[in-house]
């Protein structure tokens, strides 16, 4: 299995640059809408990560800032390569959201040993 386009080549530098911009400007998880605690570190499920709004394997751009959002690690893993299916017309044209994905576990109450 090969590495994703945001992990190698020309997109790696752009992804890293945009990840820094997201961490500096965004405070809420783009998937669940809850605040992200920047003091938490991987592998804590509530730690920060960058989510591809449209997954790379579904045609999303690997490093474009418009396709990246802040997310909790657990939310990003649960979302995986899913894309929100709108059941009603979007409130605003061009805005994509993943906040309607079901949550199977309350990760805010999760405690490591």
Protein backbone atom coordinates (compact mmCIF):
# COMPACT_ATOMS: atom_id res chain seq x y z
CA UNK A 1 0.00 0.00 0.00
CA UNK A 2 1.52 3.33 -1.08
CA UNK A 3 1.65 6.55 0.84
CA UNK A 4 -1.02 9.21 0.36
CA UNK A 5 -0.32 12.24 -1.80
CA UNK A 6 -0.26 14.58 1.22
CA UNK A 7 2.60 12.54 2.73
CA UNK A 8 5.03 12.61 -0.19
CA UNK A 9 6.18 14.79 -3.03
CA UNK A 10 5.06 18.32 -3.82
CA UNK A 11 1.94 18.19 -1.65
CA UNK A 12 3.84 17.35 1.57
CA UNK A 13 5.29 20.86 1.96
CA UNK A 14 1.97 22.54 1.14
CA UNK A 15 0.08 20.23 3.54
CA UNK A 16 2.51 20.97 6.40
CA UNK A 17 2.27 24.73 5.76
CA UNK A 18 -1.54 24.61 5.69
CA UNK A 19 -1.66 22.39 8.79
CA UNK A 20 0.17 25.15 10.70
CA UNK A 21 -2.36 27.71 9.43
CA UNK A 22 -5.27 25.52 10.56
CA UNK A 23 -3.77 24.98 14.01
CA UNK A 24 -3.22 28.75 14.34
CA UNK A 25 -6.70 29.82 13.21
CA UNK A 26 -9.23 27.09 13.97
CA UNK A 27 -10.43 26.07 17.44
CA UNK A 28 -13.46 23.80 16.78
CA UNK A 29 -13.55 20.30 15.35
CA UNK A 30 -14.95 20.54 11.83
CA UNK A 31 -16.69 17.18 12.30
CA UNK A 32 -18.37 17.34 15.72
CA UNK A 33 -18.26 21.10 16.30
CA UNK A 34 -16.72 20.82 19.79
CA UNK A 35 -13.55 22.67 20.94
CA UNK A 36 -10.20 20.97 20.38
CA UNK A 37 -7.79 20.91 23.33
CA UNK A 38 -4.36 21.70 21.86
CA UNK A 39 -2.58 20.51 25.01
CA UNK A 40 -3.56 16.90 24.30
CA UNK A 41 -1.08 14.84 22.28
CA UNK A 42 -1.36 11.80 20.02
CA UNK A 43 -2.58 9.07 20.69
CA UNK A 44 -5.21 10.75 22.89
CA UNK A 45 -8.50 10.41 20.92
CA UNK A 46 -9.33 14.07 21.58
CA UNK A 47 -5.97 15.36 20.30
CA UNK A 48 -5.75 17.64 17.29
CA UNK A 49 -5.41 16.46 13.71
CA UNK A 50 -6.15 17.74 10.23
CA UNK A 51 -9.06 16.22 8.32
CA UNK A 52 -9.50 16.18 4.55
CA UNK A 53 -13.10 17.37 4.08
CA UNK A 54 -13.33 15.47 0.80
CA UNK A 55 -11.07 12.42 1.30
CA UNK A 56 -8.14 12.08 -1.08
CA UNK A 57 -9.38 8.68 -2.29
CA UNK A 58 -12.73 10.34 -3.17
CA UNK A 59 -11.10 13.03 -5.30
CA UNK A 60 -10.29 15.60 -2.61
CA UNK A 61 -7.19 17.74 -3.00
CA UNK A 62 -4.33 16.50 -0.79
CA UNK A 63 -3.03 19.89 0.34
CA UNK A 64 -5.48 22.66 -0.61
CA UNK A 65 -6.42 24.73 2.45
CA UNK A 66 -10.06 24.75 1.30
CA UNK A 67 -10.14 20.95 1.68
CA UNK A 68 -8.61 20.85 5.17
CA UNK A 69 -10.17 21.36 8.59
CA UNK A 70 -9.27 20.92 12.24
CA UNK A 71 -10.63 17.74 13.84
CA UNK A 72 -10.31 15.53 16.89
CA UNK A 73 -8.32 12.39 16.15
CA UNK A 74 -11.31 10.20 17.09
CA UNK A 75 -13.73 12.18 14.91
CA UNK A 76 -11.36 12.01 11.96
CA UNK A 77 -10.91 8.25 12.36
CA UNK A 78 -14.64 7.67 12.70
CA UNK A 79 -15.34 9.78 9.61
CA UNK A 80 -12.68 7.83 7.71
CA UNK A 81 -13.36 8.28 3.98
CA UNK A 82 -17.04 9.16 4.35
CA UNK A 83 -18.55 12.29 2.82
CA UNK A 84 -21.67 13.92 4.21
CA UNK A 85 -24.77 13.21 2.16
CA UNK A 86 -27.08 16.22 2.31
CA UNK A 87 -30.74 15.32 2.85
CA UNK A 88 -31.90 18.93 2.47
CA UNK A 89 -30.56 21.85 0.46
CA UNK A 90 -27.39 23.27 2.02
CA UNK A 91 -27.77 26.51 3.97
CA UNK A 92 -25.06 28.14 1.91
CA UNK A 93 -23.71 27.15 -1.48
CA UNK A 94 -20.16 25.85 -1.44
CA UNK A 95 -19.99 25.08 2.29
CA UNK A 96 -19.26 21.47 3.10
CA UNK A 97 -19.80 20.10 6.58
CA UNK A 98 -19.37 16.73 8.20
CA UNK A 99 -21.05 17.59 11.50
CA UNK A 100 -24.07 15.35 10.84
CA UNK A 101 -22.04 12.15 11.10
CA UNK A 102 -23.23 9.89 13.94
CA UNK A 103 -21.06 9.67 17.04
CA UNK A 104 -20.76 6.13 18.39
CA UNK A 105 -18.80 6.99 21.54
CA UNK A 106 -18.51 9.99 23.84
CA UNK A 107 -14.77 10.57 23.47
CA UNK A 108 -14.88 13.60 25.80
CA UNK A 109 -15.39 11.19 28.70
CA UNK A 110 -12.57 8.86 27.55
CA UNK A 111 -9.69 8.53 29.99
CA UNK A 112 -6.34 6.87 29.33
CA UNK A 113 -4.80 4.66 31.99
